[in-house]
């Protein structure tokens, strides 16, 4: 048994990724941001469809084309493969679930 909000023992020096489960088609991660956005100039560009749920905190995502998405706790988002995006800003208490789906 685990608790998604138990972050004791995690280093707050960088965003932390923990694989919760996976198989050949999906991977589910818990992501704890500790206020760390994506480093400037870096973009996520994944082969998989990504479904994210921000379960605690707030964040702003920006896309390579300049559009932004403001997220608050409880919001979900489906990101298609190869849609370049980054986390522009994120609260120190942000906890996410990320589901990566291989098509």
PDB file of N, CA and C in Angstrom:
ATOM      1  N   UNK A   1       0.846  -1.172   0.000  1.00  0.00           N
ATOM      2  CA  UNK A   1       0.000   0.000   0.000  1.00  0.00           C
ATOM      3  C   UNK A   1       0.891   1.234   0.000  1.00  0.00           C
ATOM      4  N   UNK A   2       0.476   2.254  -0.708  1.00  0.00           N
ATOM      5  CA  UNK A   2       1.233   3.491  -0.767  1.00  0.00           C
ATOM      6  C   UNK A   2       0.299   4.678  -0.672  1.00  0.00           C
ATOM      7  N   UNK A   3       0.898   5.860  -0.608  1.00  0.00           N
ATOM      8  CA  UNK A   3       0.125   7.091  -0.554  1.00  0.00           C
ATOM      9  C   UNK A   3       0.764   8.073  -1.535  1.00  0.00           C
ATOM     10  N   UNK A   4      -0.010   8.573  -2.483  1.00  0.00           N
ATOM     11  CA  UNK A   4       0.516   9.467  -3.509  1.00  0.00           C
ATOM     12  C   UNK A   4       1.082  10.760  -2.944  1.00  0.00           C
ATOM     13  N   UNK A   5       0.634  11.159  -1.754  1.00  0.00           N
ATOM     14  CA  UNK A   5       1.086  12.412  -1.165  1.00  0.00           C
ATOM     15  C   UNK A   5       2.246  12.234  -0.184  1.00  0.00           C
ATOM     16  N   UNK A   6       2.683  11.009   0.057  1.00  0.00           N
ATOM     17  CA  UNK A   6       3.814  10.757   0.948  1.00  0.00           C
ATOM     18  C   UNK A   6       5.102  11.014   0.170  1.00  0.00           C
ATOM     19  N   UNK A   7       5.742  12.134   0.454  1.00  0.00           N
ATOM     20  CA  UNK A   7       6.967  12.491  -0.268  1.00  0.00           C
ATOM     21  C   UNK A   7       8.193  12.493   0.643  1.00  0.00           C
ATOM     22  N   UNK A   8       8.036  11.938   1.846  1.00  0.00           N
ATOM     23  CA  UNK A   8       9.186  11.852   2.761  1.00  0.00           C
ATOM     24  C   UNK A   8      10.302  11.066   2.088  1.00  0.00           C
ATOM     25  N   UNK A   9      11.497  11.552   2.253  1.00  0.00           N
ATOM     26  CA  UNK A   9      12.659  10.852   1.716  1.00  0.00           C
ATOM     27  C   UNK A   9      12.992  11.218   0.278  1.00  0.00           C
ATOM     28  N   UNK A  10      12.131  11.984  -0.403  1.00  0.00           N
ATOM     29  CA  UNK A  10      12.449  12.413  -1.761  1.00  0.00           C
ATOM     30  C   UNK A  10      13.303  13.675  -1.712  1.00  0.00           C
ATOM     31  N   UNK A  11      14.243  13.780  -2.612  1.00  0.00           N
ATOM     32  CA  UNK A  11      15.068  14.981  -2.702  1.00  0.00           C
ATOM     33  C   UNK A  11      14.284  16.089  -3.390  1.00  0.00           C
ATOM     34  N   UNK A  12      14.249  17.250  -2.774  1.00  0.00           N
ATOM     35  CA  UNK A  12      13.559  18.402  -3.351  1.00  0.00           C
ATOM     36  C   UNK A  12      14.462  19.189  -4.297  1.00  0.00           C
ATOM     37  N   UNK A  13      15.664  18.656  -4.593  1.00  0.00           N
ATOM     38  CA  UNK A  13      16.609  19.352  -5.473  1.00  0.00           C
ATOM     39  C   UNK A  13      16.178  19.341  -6.938  1.00  0.00           C
ATOM     40  N   UNK A  14      15.302  18.428  -7.296  1.00  0.00           N
ATOM     41  CA  UNK A  14      14.847  18.301  -8.685  1.00  0.00           C
ATOM     42  C   UNK A  14      13.508  17.588  -8.696  1.00  0.00           C
ATOM     43  N   UNK A  15      12.820  17.688  -9.809  1.00  0.00           N
ATOM     44  CA  UNK A  15      11.562  16.969  -9.983  1.00  0.00           C
ATOM     45  C   UNK A  15      11.832  15.467  -9.844  1.00  0.00           C
ATOM     46  N   UNK A  16      10.917  14.758  -9.198  1.00  0.00           N
ATOM     47  CA  UNK A  16      11.096  13.331  -8.931  1.00  0.00           C
ATOM     48  C   UNK A  16      10.040  12.521  -9.687  1.00  0.00           C
ATOM     49  N   UNK A  17      10.474  11.458 -10.363  1.00  0.00           N
ATOM     50  CA  UNK A  17       9.600  10.575 -11.136  1.00  0.00           C
ATOM     51  C   UNK A  17       9.637   9.193 -10.506  1.00  0.00           C
ATOM     52  N   UNK A  18       8.459   8.624 -10.251  1.00  0.00           N
ATOM     53  CA  UNK A  18       8.376   7.285  -9.668  1.00  0.00           C
ATOM     54  C   UNK A  18       7.415   6.453 -10.507  1.00  0.00           C
ATOM     55  N   UNK A  19       7.920   5.372 -11.096  1.00  0.00           N
ATOM     56  CA  UNK A  19       7.068   4.483 -11.869  1.00  0.00           C
ATOM     57  C   UNK A  19       6.200   3.680 -10.908  1.00  0.00           C
ATOM     58  N   UNK A  20       4.892   3.771 -11.095  1.00  0.00           N
ATOM     59  CA  UNK A  20       3.952   3.060 -10.231  1.00  0.00           C
ATOM     60  C   UNK A  20       3.554   1.712 -10.811  1.00  0.00           C
ATOM     61  N   UNK A  21       3.418   1.654 -12.125  1.00  0.00           N
ATOM     62  CA  UNK A  21       3.142   0.383 -12.800  1.00  0.00           C
ATOM     63  C   UNK A  21       3.410   0.543 -14.278  1.00  0.00           C
ATOM     64  N   UNK A  22       3.666  -0.586 -14.942  1.00  0.00           N
ATOM     65  CA  UNK A  22       3.899  -0.533 -16.381  1.00  0.00           C
ATOM     66  C   UNK A  22       3.721  -1.912 -16.990  1.00  0.00           C
ATOM     67  N   UNK A  23       3.454  -1.917 -18.276  1.00  0.00           N
ATOM     68  CA  UNK A  23       3.495  -3.126 -19.089  1.00  0.00           C
ATOM     69  C   UNK A  23       3.930  -2.685 -20.482  1.00  0.00           C
ATOM     70  N   UNK A  24       3.737  -3.520 -21.478  1.00  0.00           N
ATOM     71  CA  UNK A  24       4.225  -3.173 -22.809  1.00  0.00           C
ATOM     72  C   UNK A  24       3.456  -2.029 -23.452  1.00  0.00           C
ATOM     73  N   UNK A  25       2.265  -1.686 -22.944  1.00  0.00           N
ATOM     74  CA  UNK A  25       1.430  -0.661 -23.563  1.00  0.00           C
ATOM     75  C   UNK A  25       1.280   0.628 -22.760  1.00  0.00           C
ATOM     76  N   UNK A  26       1.496   0.557 -21.438  1.00  0.00           N
ATOM     77  CA  UNK A  26       1.297   1.746 -20.603  1.00  0.00           C
ATOM     78  C   UNK A  26       2.387   1.855 -19.537  1.00  0.00           C
ATOM     79  N   UNK A  27       2.580   3.090 -19.079  1.00  0.00           N
ATOM     80  CA  UNK A  27       3.431   3.341 -17.907  1.00  0.00           C
ATOM     81  C   UNK A  27       2.734   4.426 -17.104  1.00  0.00           C
ATOM     82  N   UNK A  28       2.575   4.203 -15.818  1.00  0.00           N
ATOM     83  CA  UNK A  28       1.974   5.177 -14.919  1.00  0.00           C
ATOM     84  C   UNK A  28       3.049   5.670 -13.959  1.00  0.00           C
ATOM     85  N   UNK A  29       3.221   7.002 -13.901  1.00  0.00           N
ATOM     86  CA  UNK A  29       4.219   7.610 -13.024  1.00  0.00           C
ATOM     87  C   UNK A  29       3.569   8.587 -12.066  1.00  0.00           C
ATOM     88  N   UNK A  30       4.169   8.680 -10.892  1.00  0.00           N
ATOM     89  CA  UNK A  30       3.879   9.802  -9.987  1.00  0.00           C
ATOM     90  C   UNK A  30       5.031  10.775 -10.178  1.00  0.00           C
ATOM     91  N   UNK A  31       4.683  12.046 -10.352  1.00  0.00           N
ATOM     92  CA  UNK A  31       5.685  13.085 -10.546  1.00  0.00           C
ATOM     93  C   UNK A  31       5.503  14.122  -9.438  1.00  0.00           C
ATOM     94  N   UNK A  32       6.568  14.389  -8.699  1.00  0.00           N
ATOM     95  CA  UNK A  32       6.550  15.403  -7.649  1.00  0.00           C
ATOM     96  C   UNK A  32       7.498  16.512  -8.110  1.00  0.00           C
ATOM     97  N   UNK A  33       6.942  17.711  -8.299  1.00  0.00           N
ATOM     98  CA  UNK A  33       7.705  18.781  -8.961  1.00  0.00           C
ATOM     99  C   UNK A  33       8.556  19.633  -8.028  1.00  0.00           C
ATOM    100  N   UNK A  34       8.160  19.817  -6.770  1.00  0.00           N
ATOM    101  CA  UNK A  34       8.908  20.656  -5.823  1.00  0.00           C
ATOM    102  C   UNK A  34       9.201  22.048  -6.381  1.00  0.00           C
ATOM    103  N   UNK A  35       8.306  22.574  -7.245  1.00  0.00           N
ATOM    104  CA  UNK A  35       8.489  23.906  -7.790  1.00  0.00           C
ATOM    105  C   UNK A  35       9.471  23.988  -8.951  1.00  0.00           C
ATOM    106  N   UNK A  36       9.927  22.841  -9.469  1.00  0.00           N
ATOM    107  CA  UNK A  36      10.914  22.831 -10.545  1.00  0.00           C
ATOM    108  C   UNK A  36      10.233  22.710 -11.905  1.00  0.00           C
ATOM    109  N   UNK A  37      10.231  23.779 -12.707  1.00  0.00           N
ATOM    110  CA  UNK A  37       9.684  23.686 -14.068  1.00  0.00           C
ATOM    111  C   UNK A  37      10.671  22.966 -14.980  1.00  0.00           C
ATOM    112  N   UNK A  38      10.244  22.731 -16.210  1.00  0.00           N
ATOM    113  CA  UNK A  38      11.153  22.177 -17.213  1.00  0.00           C
ATOM    114  C   UNK A  38      12.278  23.193 -17.442  1.00  0.00           C
ATOM    115  N   UNK A  39      13.531  22.751 -17.477  1.00  0.00           N
ATOM    116  CA  UNK A  39      14.626  23.696 -17.702  1.00  0.00           C
ATOM    117  C   UNK A  39      14.417  24.511 -18.983  1.00  0.00           C
ATOM    118  N   UNK A  40      14.805  25.782 -18.938  1.00  0.00           N
ATOM    119  CA  UNK A  40      14.662  26.681 -20.092  1.00  0.00           C
ATOM    120  C   UNK A  40      15.273  26.050 -21.343  1.00  0.00           C
ATOM    121  N   UNK A  41      14.563  26.173 -22.460  1.00  0.00           N
ATOM    122  CA  UNK A  41      15.067  25.665 -23.730  1.00  0.00           C
ATOM    123  C   UNK A  41      14.811  24.185 -23.964  1.00  0.00           C
ATOM    124  N   UNK A  42      14.341  23.457 -22.944  1.00  0.00           N
ATOM    125  CA  UNK A  42      14.062  22.023 -23.108  1.00  0.00           C
ATOM    126  C   UNK A  42      12.573  21.821 -23.359  1.00  0.00           C
ATOM    127  N   UNK A  43      12.256  20.838 -24.212  1.00  0.00           N
ATOM    128  CA  UNK A  43      10.877  20.522 -24.571  1.00  0.00           C
ATOM    129  C   UNK A  43      10.668  19.028 -24.461  1.00  0.00           C
ATOM    130  N   UNK A  44       9.531  18.632 -23.913  1.00  0.00           N
ATOM    131  CA  UNK A  44       9.145  17.230 -23.953  1.00  0.00           C
ATOM    132  C   UNK A  44       8.605  16.948 -25.353  1.00  0.00           C
ATOM    133  N   UNK A  45       9.025  15.847 -25.944  1.00  0.00           N
ATOM    134  CA  UNK A  45       8.564  15.422 -27.266  1.00  0.00           C
ATOM    135  C   UNK A  45       8.531  13.902 -27.231  1.00  0.00           C
ATOM    136  N   UNK A  46       7.390  13.357 -26.833  1.00  0.00           N
ATOM    137  CA  UNK A  46       7.288  11.929 -26.552  1.00  0.00           C
ATOM    138  C   UNK A  46       6.641  11.164 -27.698  1.00  0.00           C
ATOM    139  N   UNK A  47       7.049   9.913 -27.830  1.00  0.00           N
ATOM    140  CA  UNK A  47       6.455   9.006 -28.821  1.00  0.00           C
ATOM    141  C   UNK A  47       5.064   8.550 -28.399  1.00  0.00           C
ATOM    142  N   UNK A  48       4.782   8.578 -27.103  1.00  0.00           N
ATOM    143  CA  UNK A  48       3.523   8.074 -26.562  1.00  0.00           C
ATOM    144  C   UNK A  48       2.500   9.195 -26.374  1.00  0.00           C
ATOM    145  N   UNK A  49       1.222   8.815 -26.339  1.00  0.00           N
ATOM    146  CA  UNK A  49       0.180   9.709 -25.851  1.00  0.00           C
ATOM    147  C   UNK A  49       0.377   9.830 -24.350  1.00  0.00           C
ATOM    148  N   UNK A  50       0.256  11.036 -23.830  1.00  0.00           N
ATOM    149  CA  UNK A  50       0.416  11.248 -22.384  1.00  0.00           C
ATOM    150  C   UNK A  50      -0.868  11.846 -21.811  1.00  0.00           C
ATOM    151  N   UNK A  51      -1.410  11.177 -20.813  1.00  0.00           N
ATOM    152  CA  UNK A  51      -2.526  11.712 -20.040  1.00  0.00           C
ATOM    153  C   UNK A  51      -1.939  12.122 -18.699  1.00  0.00           C
ATOM    154  N   UNK A  52      -2.143  13.385 -18.309  1.00  0.00           N
ATOM    155  CA  UNK A  52      -1.649  13.848 -17.016  1.00  0.00           C
ATOM    156  C   UNK A  52      -2.811  14.334 -16.166  1.00  0.00           C
ATOM    157  N   UNK A  53      -2.688  14.101 -14.879  1.00  0.00           N
ATOM    158  CA  UNK A  53      -3.639  14.614 -13.896  1.00  0.00           C
ATOM    159  C   UNK A  53      -2.818  15.342 -12.842  1.00  0.00           C
ATOM    160  N   UNK A  54      -3.135  16.596 -12.623  1.00  0.00           N
ATOM    161  CA  UNK A  54      -2.500  17.349 -11.544  1.00  0.00           C
ATOM    162  C   UNK A  54      -3.366  17.132 -10.310  1.00  0.00           C
ATOM    163  N   UNK A  55      -2.868  16.350  -9.377  1.00  0.00           N
ATOM    164  CA  UNK A  55      -3.701  15.978  -8.232  1.00  0.00           C
ATOM    165  C   UNK A  55      -3.482  16.886  -7.020  1.00  0.00           C
ATOM    166  N   UNK A  56      -2.424  17.698  -7.090  1.00  0.00           N
ATOM    167  CA  UNK A  56      -2.170  18.674  -6.023  1.00  0.00           C
ATOM    168  C   UNK A  56      -1.347  19.799  -6.619  1.00  0.00           C
ATOM    169  N   UNK A  57      -1.662  21.045  -6.232  1.00  0.00           N
ATOM    170  CA  UNK A  57      -0.873  22.186  -6.675  1.00  0.00           C
ATOM    171  C   UNK A  57      -1.433  22.855  -7.917  1.00  0.00           C
ATOM    172  N   UNK A  58      -0.556  23.614  -8.590  1.00  0.00           N
ATOM    173  CA  UNK A  58      -0.929  24.320  -9.813  1.00  0.00           C
ATOM    174  C   UNK A  58       0.276  24.351 -10.750  1.00  0.00           C
ATOM    175  N   UNK A  59      -0.009  24.547 -12.050  1.00  0.00           N
ATOM    176  CA  UNK A  59       1.067  24.557 -13.041  1.00  0.00           C
ATOM    177  C   UNK A  59       0.604  25.258 -14.300  1.00  0.00           C
ATOM    178  N   UNK A  60       1.573  25.722 -15.071  1.00  0.00           N
ATOM    179  CA  UNK A  60       1.324  26.278 -16.391  1.00  0.00           C
ATOM    180  C   UNK A  60       2.164  25.498 -17.384  1.00  0.00           C
ATOM    181  N   UNK A  61       1.499  24.931 -18.391  1.00  0.00           N
ATOM    182  CA  UNK A  61       2.186  24.260 -19.480  1.00  0.00           C
ATOM    183  C   UNK A  61       2.204  25.202 -20.677  1.00  0.00           C
ATOM    184  N   UNK A  62       3.286  25.178 -21.422  1.00  0.00           N
ATOM    185  CA  UNK A  62       3.375  25.963 -22.650  1.00  0.00           C
ATOM    186  C   UNK A  62       3.780  25.007 -23.769  1.00  0.00           C
ATOM    187  N   UNK A  63       3.257  25.293 -24.938  1.00  0.00           N
ATOM    188  CA  UNK A  63       3.524  24.466 -26.111  1.00  0.00           C
ATOM    189  C   UNK A  63       4.439  25.235 -27.054  1.00  0.00           C
ATOM    190  N   UNK A  64       5.142  24.500 -27.897  1.00  0.00           N
ATOM    191  CA  UNK A  64       6.125  25.108 -28.803  1.00  0.00           C
ATOM    192  C   UNK A  64       5.500  26.200 -29.672  1.00  0.00           C
ATOM    193  N   UNK A  65       4.188  26.078 -29.965  1.00  0.00           N
ATOM    194  CA  UNK A  65       3.516  27.086 -30.790  1.00  0.00           C
ATOM    195  C   UNK A  65       3.101  28.328 -29.992  1.00  0.00           C
ATOM    196  N   UNK A  66       3.405  28.349 -28.673  1.00  0.00           N
ATOM    197  CA  UNK A  66       3.129  29.513 -27.847  1.00  0.00           C
ATOM    198  C   UNK A  66       1.852  29.447 -27.029  1.00  0.00           C
ATOM    199  N   UNK A  67       0.966  28.506 -27.311  1.00  0.00           N
ATOM    200  CA  UNK A  67      -0.251  28.358 -26.508  1.00  0.00           C
ATOM    201  C   UNK A  67       0.106  27.894 -25.110  1.00  0.00           C
ATOM    202  N   UNK A  68      -0.726  28.229 -24.132  1.00  0.00           N
ATOM    203  CA  UNK A  68      -0.498  27.805 -22.748  1.00  0.00           C
ATOM    204  C   UNK A  68      -1.747  27.150 -22.180  1.00  0.00           C
ATOM    205  N   UNK A  69      -1.548  26.333 -21.169  1.00  0.00           N
ATOM    206  CA  UNK A  69      -2.627  25.705 -20.423  1.00  0.00           C
ATOM    207  C   UNK A  69      -2.356  25.908 -18.945  1.00  0.00           C
ATOM    208  N   UNK A  70      -3.293  26.547 -18.251  1.00  0.00           N
ATOM    209  CA  UNK A  70      -3.218  26.717 -16.799  1.00  0.00           C
ATOM    210  C   UNK A  70      -3.891  25.509 -16.152  1.00  0.00           C
ATOM    211  N   UNK A  71      -3.228  24.894 -15.185  1.00  0.00           N
ATOM    212  CA  UNK A  71      -3.795  23.732 -14.518  1.00  0.00           C
ATOM    213  C   UNK A  71      -3.860  23.965 -13.013  1.00  0.00           C
ATOM    214  N   UNK A  72      -4.916  23.417 -12.404  1.00  0.00           N
ATOM    215  CA  UNK A  72      -5.075  23.437 -10.951  1.00  0.00           C
ATOM    216  C   UNK A  72      -5.386  22.007 -10.513  1.00  0.00           C
ATOM    217  N   UNK A  73      -5.317  21.762  -9.225  1.00  0.00           N
ATOM    218  CA  UNK A  73      -5.569  20.415  -8.695  1.00  0.00           C
ATOM    219  C   UNK A  73      -6.890  19.879  -9.231  1.00  0.00           C
ATOM    220  N   UNK A  74      -6.847  18.664  -9.734  1.00  0.00           N
ATOM    221  CA  UNK A  74      -8.030  18.006 -10.283  1.00  0.00           C
ATOM    222  C   UNK A  74      -8.116  18.063 -11.794  1.00  0.00           C
ATOM    223  N   UNK A  75      -7.324  18.939 -12.422  1.00  0.00           N
ATOM    224  CA  UNK A  75      -7.365  19.054 -13.881  1.00  0.00           C
ATOM    225  C   UNK A  75      -6.613  17.898 -14.540  1.00  0.00           C
ATOM    226  N   UNK A  76      -7.133  17.479 -15.706  1.00  0.00           N
ATOM    227  CA  UNK A  76      -6.487  16.441 -16.506  1.00  0.00           C
ATOM    228  C   UNK A  76      -6.261  16.978 -17.908  1.00  0.00           C
ATOM    229  N   UNK A  77      -5.328  16.370 -18.609  1.00  0.00           N
ATOM    230  CA  UNK A  77      -4.966  16.829 -19.942  1.00  0.00           C
ATOM    231  C   UNK A  77      -4.459  15.645 -20.747  1.00  0.00           C
ATOM    232  N   UNK A  78      -4.871  15.560 -22.001  1.00  0.00           N
ATOM    233  CA  UNK A  78      -4.384  14.533 -22.918  1.00  0.00           C
ATOM    234  C   UNK A  78      -3.458  15.204 -23.926  1.00  0.00           C
ATOM    235  N   UNK A  79      -2.211  14.735 -23.971  1.00  0.00           N
ATOM    236  CA  UNK A  79      -1.202  15.316 -24.852  1.00  0.00           C
ATOM    237  C   UNK A  79      -0.860  14.284 -25.923  1.00  0.00           C
ATOM    238  N   UNK A  80      -1.149  14.585 -27.192  1.00  0.00           N
ATOM    239  CA  UNK A  80      -0.855  13.629 -28.253  1.00  0.00           C
ATOM    240  C   UNK A  80       0.651  13.449 -28.458  1.00  0.00           C
ATOM    241  N   UNK A  81       1.038  12.342 -29.090  1.00  0.00           N
ATOM    242  CA  UNK A  81       2.463  12.120 -29.370  1.00  0.00           C
ATOM    243  C   UNK A  81       3.070  13.295 -30.140  1.00  0.00           C
ATOM    244  N   UNK A  82       4.277  13.632 -29.777  1.00  0.00           N
ATOM    245  CA  UNK A  82       5.110  14.635 -30.452  1.00  0.00           C
ATOM    246  C   UNK A  82       4.563  16.059 -30.397  1.00  0.00           C
ATOM    247  N   UNK A  83       3.627  16.332 -29.499  1.00  0.00           N
ATOM    248  CA  UNK A  83       3.227  17.721 -29.259  1.00  0.00           C
ATOM    249  C   UNK A  83       4.246  18.286 -28.272  1.00  0.00           C
ATOM    250  N   UNK A  84       5.151  19.107 -28.761  1.00  0.00           N
ATOM    251  CA  UNK A  84       6.225  19.619 -27.914  1.00  0.00           C
ATOM    252  C   UNK A  84       5.636  20.554 -26.863  1.00  0.00           C
ATOM    253  N   UNK A  85       6.022  20.278 -25.613  1.00  0.00           N
ATOM    254  CA  UNK A  85       5.481  21.041 -24.489  1.00  0.00           C
ATOM    255  C   UNK A  85       6.504  21.081 -23.365  1.00  0.00           C
ATOM    256  N   UNK A  86       6.276  21.992 -22.437  1.00  0.00           N
ATOM    257  CA  UNK A  86       7.134  22.093 -21.257  1.00  0.00           C
ATOM    258  C   UNK A  86       6.303  22.651 -20.110  1.00  0.00           C
ATOM    259  N   UNK A  87       6.772  22.419 -18.892  1.00  0.00           N
ATOM    260  CA  UNK A  87       6.145  23.005 -17.711  1.00  0.00           C
ATOM    261  C   UNK A  87       6.841  24.339 -17.474  1.00  0.00           C
ATOM    262  N   UNK A  88       6.101  25.408 -17.714  1.00  0.00           N
ATOM    263  CA  UNK A  88       6.649  26.770 -17.609  1.00  0.00           C
ATOM    264  C   UNK A  88       6.796  27.193 -16.152  1.00  0.00           C
ATOM    265  N   UNK A  89       5.775  26.884 -15.339  1.00  0.00           N
ATOM    266  CA  UNK A  89       5.831  27.183 -13.908  1.00  0.00           C
ATOM    267  C   UNK A  89       5.009  26.129 -13.177  1.00  0.00           C
ATOM    268  N   UNK A  90       5.404  25.889 -11.924  1.00  0.00           N
ATOM    269  CA  UNK A  90       4.731  24.850 -11.146  1.00  0.00           C
ATOM    270  C   UNK A  90       4.904  25.154  -9.664  1.00  0.00           C
ATOM    271  N   UNK A  91       3.863  24.893  -8.882  1.00  0.00           N
ATOM    272  CA  UNK A  91       3.927  25.158  -7.446  1.00  0.00           C
ATOM    273  C   UNK A  91       4.829  24.141  -6.756  1.00  0.00           C
ATOM    274  N   UNK A  92       5.316  24.524  -5.591  1.00  0.00           N
ATOM    275  CA  UNK A  92       6.226  23.656  -4.836  1.00  0.00           C
ATOM    276  C   UNK A  92       5.552  22.394  -4.330  1.00  0.00           C
ATOM    277  N   UNK A  93       4.218  22.406  -4.245  1.00  0.00           N
ATOM    278  CA  UNK A  93       3.500  21.235  -3.716  1.00  0.00           C
ATOM    279  C   UNK A  93       2.891  20.368  -4.818  1.00  0.00           C
ATOM    280  N   UNK A  94       3.267  20.595  -6.073  1.00  0.00           N
ATOM    281  CA  UNK A  94       2.629  19.901  -7.193  1.00  0.00           C
ATOM    282  C   UNK A  94       2.943  18.407  -7.210  1.00  0.00           C
ATOM    283  N   UNK A  95       1.867  17.626  -7.318  1.00  0.00           N
ATOM    284  CA  UNK A  95       1.959  16.173  -7.484  1.00  0.00           C
ATOM    285  C   UNK A  95       1.091  15.813  -8.682  1.00  0.00           C
ATOM    286  N   UNK A  96       1.655  15.049  -9.590  1.00  0.00           N
ATOM    287  CA  UNK A  96       0.996  14.665 -10.838  1.00  0.00           C
ATOM    288  C   UNK A  96       0.900  13.147 -10.942  1.00  0.00           C
ATOM    289  N   UNK A  97      -0.026  12.699 -11.766  1.00  0.00           N
ATOM    290  CA  UNK A  97      -0.015  11.342 -12.296  1.00  0.00           C
ATOM    291  C   UNK A  97       0.166  11.481 -13.795  1.00  0.00           C
ATOM    292  N   UNK A  98       1.077  10.729 -14.352  1.00  0.00           N
ATOM    293  CA  UNK A  98       1.306  10.733 -15.790  1.00  0.00           C
ATOM    294  C   UNK A  98       1.120   9.322 -16.322  1.00  0.00           C
ATOM    295  N   UNK A  99       0.211   9.165 -17.267  1.00  0.00           N
ATOM    296  CA  UNK A  99      -0.037   7.868 -17.895  1.00  0.00           C
ATOM    297  C   UNK A  99       0.436   7.967 -19.340  1.00  0.00           C
ATOM    298  N   UNK A 100       1.416   7.154 -19.693  1.00  0.00           N
ATOM    299  CA  UNK A 100       1.989   7.133 -21.028  1.00  0.00           C
ATOM    300  C   UNK A 100       1.454   5.906 -21.752  1.00  0.00           C
ATOM    301  N   UNK A 101       0.838   6.136 -22.926  1.00  0.00           N
ATOM    302  CA  UNK A 101       0.141   5.075 -23.654  1.00  0.00           C
ATOM    303  C   UNK A 101       0.843   4.868 -24.999  1.00  0.00           C
ATOM    304  N   UNK A 102       1.380   3.661 -25.188  1.00  0.00           N
ATOM    305  CA  UNK A 102       2.028   3.328 -26.462  1.00  0.00           C
ATOM    306  C   UNK A 102       0.961   2.830 -27.415  1.00  0.00           C
ATOM    307  N   UNK A 103       0.927   3.415 -28.588  1.00  0.00           N
ATOM    308  CA  UNK A 103      -0.108   3.054 -29.578  1.00  0.00           C
ATOM    309  C   UNK A 103       0.387   1.962 -30.499  1.00  0.00           C
TER     310      UNK A 103
END
